[in-house]
C-alpha atoms as a PDB file:
ATOM      1  CA  UNK A   1     175.238 177.014  69.639  1.00  0.00           C
ATOM      2  CA  UNK A   2     172.872 177.463  72.424  1.00  0.00           C
ATOM      3  CA  UNK A   3     174.171 179.161  75.689  1.00  0.00           C
ATOM      4  CA  UNK A   4     172.137 176.809  77.983  1.00  0.00           C
ATOM      5  CA  UNK A   5     171.080 173.349  76.381  1.00  0.00           C
ATOM      6  CA  UNK A   6     169.509 172.512  79.737  1.00  0.00           C
ATOM      7  CA  UNK A   7     167.641 175.450  81.210  1.00  0.00           C
ATOM      8  CA  UNK A   8     165.544 173.494  83.434  1.00  0.00           C
ATOM      9  CA  UNK A   9     168.630 172.331  85.282  1.00  0.00           C
ATOM     10  CA  UNK A  10     169.695 175.948  85.854  1.00  0.00           C
ATOM     11  CA  UNK A  11     166.247 176.975  87.069  1.00  0.00           C
ATOM     12  CA  UNK A  12     166.009 174.193  89.692  1.00  0.00           C
ATOM     13  CA  UNK A  13     169.602 175.105  90.798  1.00  0.00           C
ATOM     14  CA  UNK A  14     168.660 178.747  91.122  1.00  0.00           C
ATOM     15  CA  UNK A  15     165.633 177.649  93.128  1.00  0.00           C
ATOM     16  CA  UNK A  16     167.314 174.983  95.189  1.00  0.00           C
ATOM     17  CA  UNK A  17     169.958 177.623  96.139  1.00  0.00           C
ATOM     18  CA  UNK A  18     167.137 180.323  96.809  1.00  0.00           C
ATOM     19  CA  UNK A  19     165.299 178.091  98.856  1.00  0.00           C
ATOM     20  CA  UNK A  20     168.277 177.258 101.226  1.00  0.00           C
ATOM     21  CA  UNK A  21     168.951 180.911 101.602  1.00  0.00           C
ATOM     22  CA  UNK A  22     165.406 182.124 102.186  1.00  0.00           C
ATOM     23  CA  UNK A  23     165.333 179.452 104.822  1.00  0.00           C
ATOM     24  CA  UNK A  24     168.576 180.303 106.447  1.00  0.00           C
ATOM     25  CA  UNK A  25     168.396 184.055 106.291  1.00  0.00           C
ATOM     26  CA  UNK A  26     164.759 184.972 105.475  1.00  0.00           C
ATOM     27  CA  UNK A  27     163.504 186.481 102.236  1.00  0.00           C
ATOM     28  CA  UNK A  28     164.092 189.931 103.211  1.00  0.00           C
ATOM     29  CA  UNK A  29     167.850 189.690 104.012  1.00  0.00           C
ATOM     30  CA  UNK A  30     168.627 187.475 101.045  1.00  0.00           C
ATOM     31  CA  UNK A  31     169.639 189.202  97.822  1.00  0.00           C
ATOM     32  CA  UNK A  32     170.219 188.140  94.228  1.00  0.00           C
ATOM     33  CA  UNK A  33     173.978 188.593  94.861  1.00  0.00           C
ATOM     34  CA  UNK A  34     173.581 186.107  97.760  1.00  0.00           C
ATOM     35  CA  UNK A  35     172.041 183.506  95.259  1.00  0.00           C
ATOM     36  CA  UNK A  36     175.005 184.183  92.834  1.00  0.00           C
ATOM     37  CA  UNK A  37     177.660 183.748  95.397  1.00  0.00           C
ATOM     38  CA  UNK A  38     175.993 180.714  96.615  1.00  0.00           C
ATOM     39  CA  UNK A  39     175.730 179.029  93.070  1.00  0.00           C
ATOM     40  CA  UNK A  40     179.382 180.065  92.470  1.00  0.00           C
ATOM     41  CA  UNK A  41     179.227 179.835  88.536  1.00  0.00           C
ATOM     42  CA  UNK A  42     176.270 181.982  87.479  1.00  0.00           C
ATOM     43  CA  UNK A  43     176.131 185.753  86.910  1.00  0.00           C
ATOM     44  CA  UNK A  44     173.294 188.166  87.865  1.00  0.00           C
ATOM     45  CA  UNK A  45     172.385 188.201  84.144  1.00  0.00           C
ATOM     46  CA  UNK A  46     172.196 184.399  84.226  1.00  0.00           C
ATOM     47  CA  UNK A  47     169.633 184.558  86.932  1.00  0.00           C
ATOM     48  CA  UNK A  48     167.698 187.490  85.560  1.00  0.00           C
ATOM     49  CA  UNK A  49     167.575 185.654  82.232  1.00  0.00           C
ATOM     50  CA  UNK A  50     165.181 183.165  84.046  1.00  0.00           C
ATOM     51  CA  UNK A  51     163.633 185.212  86.754  1.00  0.00           C
ATOM     52  CA  UNK A  52     162.796 189.163  86.398  1.00  0.00           C
ATOM     53  CA  UNK A  53     163.020 189.696  90.153  1.00  0.00           C
ATOM     54  CA  UNK A  54     163.344 188.075  93.732  1.00  0.00           C
ATOM     55  CA  UNK A  55     159.738 188.265  93.835  1.00  0.00           C
ATOM     56  CA  UNK A  56     159.498 185.799  90.930  1.00  0.00           C
ATOM     57  CA  UNK A  57     162.158 183.509  92.554  1.00  0.00           C
ATOM     58  CA  UNK A  58     160.100 183.201  95.851  1.00  0.00           C
ATOM     59  CA  UNK A  59     156.909 182.833  93.834  1.00  0.00           C
ATOM     60  CA  UNK A  60     158.546 179.962  91.855  1.00  0.00           C
ATOM     61  CA  UNK A  61     160.060 178.328  95.157  1.00  0.00           C
ATOM     62  CA  UNK A  62     156.596 178.440  96.572  1.00  0.00           C
ATOM     63  CA  UNK A  63     154.915 176.909  93.456  1.00  0.00           C
ATOM     64  CA  UNK A  64     157.549 174.114  93.501  1.00  0.00           C
ATOM     65  CA  UNK A  65     156.937 173.322  97.179  1.00  0.00           C
ATOM     66  CA  UNK A  66     153.026 173.362  96.856  1.00  0.00           C
ATOM     67  CA  UNK A  67     153.393 171.101  93.533  1.00  0.00           C
ATOM     68  CA  UNK A  68     155.498 168.475  95.544  1.00  0.00           C
ATOM     69  CA  UNK A  69     152.601 167.870  97.941  1.00  0.00           C
ATOM     70  CA  UNK A  70     150.543 164.691  97.148  1.00  0.00           C
ATOM     71  CA  UNK A  71     148.034 164.040  99.917  1.00  0.00           C
ATOM     72  CA  UNK A  72     147.118 160.538  98.604  1.00  0.00           C
ATOM     73  CA  UNK A  73     150.534 159.294  99.897  1.00  0.00           C
ATOM     74  CA  UNK A  74     149.397 159.999 103.402  1.00  0.00           C
ATOM     75  CA  UNK A  75     146.633 157.467 103.345  1.00  0.00           C
ATOM     76  CA  UNK A  76     148.498 154.801 101.154  1.00  0.00           C
ATOM     77  CA  UNK A  77     147.327 151.541 102.303  1.00  0.00           C
ATOM     78  CA  UNK A  78     144.869 153.011 104.856  1.00  0.00           C
ATOM     79  CA  UNK A  79     142.300 154.526 102.246  1.00  0.00           C
ATOM     80  CA  UNK A  80     139.290 151.969 103.335  1.00  0.00           C
ATOM     81  CA  UNK A  81     140.161 152.630 107.001  1.00  0.00           C
ATOM     82  CA  UNK A  82     139.679 156.317 107.209  1.00  0.00           C
ATOM     83  CA  UNK A  83     136.304 158.393 106.526  1.00  0.00           C
ATOM     84  CA  UNK A  84     136.516 161.627 104.599  1.00  0.00           C
ATOM     85  CA  UNK A  85     136.909 163.679 107.843  1.00  0.00           C
ATOM     86  CA  UNK A  86     139.638 161.761 109.151  1.00  0.00           C
ATOM     87  CA  UNK A  87     141.597 162.289 105.749  1.00  0.00           C
ATOM     88  CA  UNK A  88     140.809 165.958 105.933  1.00  0.00           C
ATOM     89  CA  UNK A  89     142.166 166.263 109.449  1.00  0.00           C
ATOM     90  CA  UNK A  90     145.308 164.332 108.488  1.00  0.00           C
ATOM     91  CA  UNK A  91     145.830 166.728 105.661  1.00  0.00           C
ATOM     92  CA  UNK A  92     145.622 169.778 108.042  1.00  0.00           C
ATOM     93  CA  UNK A  93     147.945 168.289 110.287  1.00  0.00           C
ATOM     94  CA  UNK A  94     150.385 167.340 107.609  1.00  0.00           C
ATOM     95  CA  UNK A  95     150.138 170.809 106.206  1.00  0.00           C
ATOM     96  CA  UNK A  96     150.870 172.585 109.626  1.00  0.00           C
ATOM     97  CA  UNK A  97     152.514 170.349 111.915  1.00  0.00           C
ATOM     98  CA  UNK A  98     155.969 170.028 110.589  1.00  0.00           C
ATOM     99  CA  UNK A  99     159.201 171.832 110.943  1.00  0.00           C
ATOM    100  CA  UNK A 100     159.654 172.646 107.143  1.00  0.00           C
ATOM    101  CA  UNK A 101     156.298 174.477 107.279  1.00  0.00           C
ATOM    102  CA  UNK A 102     157.191 176.466 110.313  1.00  0.00           C
ATOM    103  CA  UNK A 103     160.582 177.410 108.917  1.00  0.00           C
ATOM    104  CA  UNK A 104     159.091 178.540 105.749  1.00  0.00           C
ATOM    105  CA  UNK A 105     156.607 180.731 107.527  1.00  0.00           C
ATOM    106  CA  UNK A 106     159.585 182.471 109.340  1.00  0.00           C
ATOM    107  CA  UNK A 107     161.438 182.876 106.047  1.00  0.00           C
ATOM    108  CA  UNK A 108     158.725 184.219 103.906  1.00  0.00           C
ATOM    109  CA  UNK A 109     157.972 188.054 103.653  1.00  0.00           C
ATOM    110  CA  UNK A 110     155.632 189.844 106.149  1.00  0.00           C
ATOM    111  CA  UNK A 111     152.427 189.741 103.995  1.00  0.00           C
ATOM    112  CA  UNK A 112     150.899 192.801 105.628  1.00  0.00           C
ATOM    113  CA  UNK A 113     153.904 194.721 104.145  1.00  0.00           C
ATOM    114  CA  UNK A 114     154.057 192.877 100.925  1.00  0.00           C
ATOM    115  CA  UNK A 115     150.553 193.147  99.191  1.00  0.00           C
ATOM    116  CA  UNK A 116     151.627 191.077  96.122  1.00  0.00           C
ATOM    117  CA  UNK A 117     152.366 188.132  98.194  1.00  0.00           C
ATOM    118  CA  UNK A 118     149.131 188.395 100.063  1.00  0.00           C
ATOM    119  CA  UNK A 119     147.317 188.581  96.880  1.00  0.00           C
ATOM    120  CA  UNK A 120     149.154 185.347  95.672  1.00  0.00           C
ATOM    121  CA  UNK A 121     148.140 183.744  99.063  1.00  0.00           C
ATOM    122  CA  UNK A 122     144.606 184.437  98.571  1.00  0.00           C
ATOM    123  CA  UNK A 123     144.408 183.305  94.973  1.00  0.00           C
ATOM    124  CA  UNK A 124     146.301 180.182  95.814  1.00  0.00           C
ATOM    125  CA  UNK A 125     143.992 179.301  98.822  1.00  0.00           C
ATOM    126  CA  UNK A 126     140.908 179.725  96.883  1.00  0.00           C
ATOM    127  CA  UNK A 127     141.728 178.656  93.576  1.00  0.00           C
ATOM    128  CA  UNK A 128     144.694 176.090  93.716  1.00  0.00           C
ATOM    129  CA  UNK A 129     144.755 174.626  97.238  1.00  0.00           C
ATOM    130  CA  UNK A 130     140.851 174.631  98.046  1.00  0.00           C
ATOM    131  CA  UNK A 131     140.139 172.221  94.921  1.00  0.00           C
ATOM    132  CA  UNK A 132     142.542 169.563  96.326  1.00  0.00           C
ATOM    133  CA  UNK A 133     140.250 169.278  99.457  1.00  0.00           C
ATOM    134  CA  UNK A 134     136.980 169.130  97.891  1.00  0.00           C
ATOM    135  CA  UNK A 135     137.270 165.437  96.954  1.00  0.00           C
ATOM    136  CA  UNK A 136     137.939 164.645 100.797  1.00  0.00           C
ATOM    137  CA  UNK A 137     134.852 166.733 101.592  1.00  0.00           C
ATOM    138  CA  UNK A 138     132.696 165.261  99.223  1.00  0.00           C
ATOM    139  CA  UNK A 139     133.877 161.783 100.564  1.00  0.00           C
ATOM    140  CA  UNK A 140     132.916 162.835 104.000  1.00  0.00           C
ATOM    141  CA  UNK A 141     129.559 163.969 103.050  1.00  0.00           C
ATOM    142  CA  UNK A 142     128.986 160.519 101.346  1.00  0.00           C
ATOM    143  CA  UNK A 143     130.169 158.594 104.416  1.00  0.00           C
ATOM    144  CA  UNK A 144     128.307 160.879 106.623  1.00  0.00           C
ATOM    145  CA  UNK A 145     131.365 162.449 108.698  1.00  0.00           C
ATOM    146  CA  UNK A 146     130.846 165.634 107.144  1.00  0.00           C
ATOM    147  CA  UNK A 147     127.503 167.247 106.767  1.00  0.00           C
ATOM    148  CA  UNK A 148     128.261 170.616 105.017  1.00  0.00           C
ATOM    149  CA  UNK A 149     126.049 171.019 101.680  1.00  0.00           C
ATOM    150  CA  UNK A 150     128.398 173.084  99.714  1.00  0.00           C
ATOM    151  CA  UNK A 151     131.824 171.340  99.458  1.00  0.00           C
ATOM    152  CA  UNK A 152     133.550 173.895  97.078  1.00  0.00           C
ATOM    153  CA  UNK A 153     132.600 176.794  98.975  1.00  0.00           C
ATOM    154  CA  UNK A 154     133.324 175.037 102.162  1.00  0.00           C
ATOM    155  CA  UNK A 155     136.829 174.283 101.042  1.00  0.00           C
ATOM    156  CA  UNK A 156     137.537 177.714  99.932  1.00  0.00           C
ATOM    157  CA  UNK A 157     136.188 179.327 103.143  1.00  0.00           C
ATOM    158  CA  UNK A 158     138.250 176.860 105.221  1.00  0.00           C
ATOM    159  CA  UNK A 159     141.575 177.874 103.576  1.00  0.00           C
ATOM    160  CA  UNK A 160     140.849 181.635 103.245  1.00  0.00           C
ATOM    161  CA  UNK A 161     140.165 181.978 106.851  1.00  0.00           C
ATOM    162  CA  UNK A 162     143.010 179.526 107.980  1.00  0.00           C
ATOM    163  CA  UNK A 163     145.525 180.978 105.638  1.00  0.00           C
ATOM    164  CA  UNK A 164     144.649 184.490 105.608  1.00  0.00           C
ATOM    165  CA  UNK A 165     142.371 185.664 108.612  1.00  0.00           C
ATOM    166  CA  UNK A 166     144.294 183.592 111.350  1.00  0.00           C
ATOM    167  CA  UNK A 167     147.572 183.877 109.767  1.00  0.00           C
ATOM    168  CA  UNK A 168     149.723 185.710 112.141  1.00  0.00           C
ATOM    169  CA  UNK A 169     151.878 186.812 108.945  1.00  0.00           C
ATOM    170  CA  UNK A 170     148.776 188.762 107.867  1.00  0.00           C
ATOM    171  CA  UNK A 171     147.243 189.957 111.214  1.00  0.00           C
ATOM    172  CA  UNK A 172     149.353 190.794 113.965  1.00  0.00           C
ATOM    173  CA  UNK A 173     147.271 189.962 116.854  1.00  0.00           C
ATOM    174  CA  UNK A 174     147.794 189.714 120.813  1.00  0.00           C
ATOM    175  CA  UNK A 175     147.760 186.109 121.948  1.00  0.00           C
ATOM    176  CA  UNK A 176     144.373 186.440 123.463  1.00  0.00           C
ATOM    177  CA  UNK A 177     142.731 188.058 120.172  1.00  0.00           C
ATOM    178  CA  UNK A 178     144.566 185.109 118.300  1.00  0.00           C
ATOM    179  CA  UNK A 179     143.079 182.339 120.373  1.00  0.00           C
ATOM    180  CA  UNK A 180     139.684 184.000 120.240  1.00  0.00           C
ATOM    181  CA  UNK A 181     139.667 183.966 116.533  1.00  0.00           C
ATOM    182  CA  UNK A 182     140.754 180.251 116.332  1.00  0.00           C
ATOM    183  CA  UNK A 183     138.207 179.131 118.798  1.00  0.00           C
ATOM    184  CA  UNK A 184     135.499 181.018 116.582  1.00  0.00           C
ATOM    185  CA  UNK A 185     136.574 179.575 113.511  1.00  0.00           C
ATOM    186  CA  UNK A 186     136.452 176.139 115.351  1.00  0.00           C
ATOM    187  CA  UNK A 187     132.810 176.722 116.465  1.00  0.00           C
ATOM    188  CA  UNK A 188     131.970 178.157 112.953  1.00  0.00           C
ATOM    189  CA  UNK A 189     133.287 174.987 111.000  1.00  0.00           C
ATOM    190  CA  UNK A 190     131.319 172.800 113.466  1.00  0.00           C
ATOM    191  CA  UNK A 191     128.222 174.711 112.958  1.00  0.00           C
ATOM    192  CA  UNK A 192     128.419 174.396 108.941  1.00  0.00           C
ATOM    193  CA  UNK A 193     129.107 170.730 109.289  1.00  0.00           C
ATOM    194  CA  UNK A 194     132.898 170.663 108.734  1.00  0.00           C
ATOM    195  CA  UNK A 195     134.014 169.712 112.261  1.00  0.00           C
ATOM    196  CA  UNK A 196     137.950 169.436 111.168  1.00  0.00           C
ATOM    197  CA  UNK A 197     139.317 171.234 114.100  1.00  0.00           C
ATOM    198  CA  UNK A 198     139.347 168.340 116.527  1.00  0.00           C
ATOM    199  CA  UNK A 199     141.877 168.633 119.585  1.00  0.00           C
ATOM    200  CA  UNK A 200     144.860 167.685 117.628  1.00  0.00           C
ATOM    201  CA  UNK A 201     144.245 170.260 114.908  1.00  0.00           C
ATOM    202  CA  UNK A 202     143.440 173.009 117.455  1.00  0.00           C
ATOM    203  CA  UNK A 203     146.600 172.433 119.565  1.00  0.00           C
ATOM    204  CA  UNK A 204     148.704 172.777 116.223  1.00  0.00           C
ATOM    205  CA  UNK A 205     146.813 175.792 115.213  1.00  0.00           C
ATOM    206  CA  UNK A 206     147.187 177.387 118.518  1.00  0.00           C
ATOM    207  CA  UNK A 207     150.919 176.861 118.636  1.00  0.00           C
ATOM    208  CA  UNK A 208     151.333 179.246 115.708  1.00  0.00           C
ATOM    209  CA  UNK A 209     150.737 182.122 118.020  1.00  0.00           C
ATOM    210  CA  UNK A 210     154.324 181.502 119.032  1.00  0.00           C
ATOM    211  CA  UNK A 211     155.181 183.409 115.773  1.00  0.00           C
ATOM    212  CA  UNK A 212     153.604 186.512 117.261  1.00  0.00           C
ATOM    213  CA  UNK A 213     156.363 186.583 119.729  1.00  0.00           C
ATOM    214  CA  UNK A 214     159.141 186.737 116.878  1.00  0.00           C
END
């Protein structure tokens, strides 16, 4: 008889527990034993049967969170009322201006001292997240709200600079340096025809400098 007829249930339980503990204690302070203790009925061996390391677990947690995002739900019933740029701005606010996102940023590893996670963020930004933005940039080009000429490259640059260059978990800057970088990014995006950082988006992005104090 199989030791586990429903491995997906076990995997999801492990990820549920790990997500809770990472958010409560932070990735660095959470151990595999903590996850075992939290679950109560699984051994370390059972966890290692599905995940080779704690790094694999947080990668799976992040992938599950990413796959749960459905931007089209933001505009349900309002699709015809918003142009491409407005939809892109709402996506930016949705991704940044929520308690879960801030809590997750506080929980995940310091990218500067964890190059594997930094590499994953670079890859996900350019190859997984950016393609999700391209349709909205193309819609903006079609309706005239966006004038950038290369939507694929624009989406990749936007996310790489937003998720890496101005990410306080990657580059620890003074407040003044952080604000300067954000304002430069706003100007650059406007000059290439992708004016996504309006006052609302800019306010949220600048609020992330609070992470520099922790």
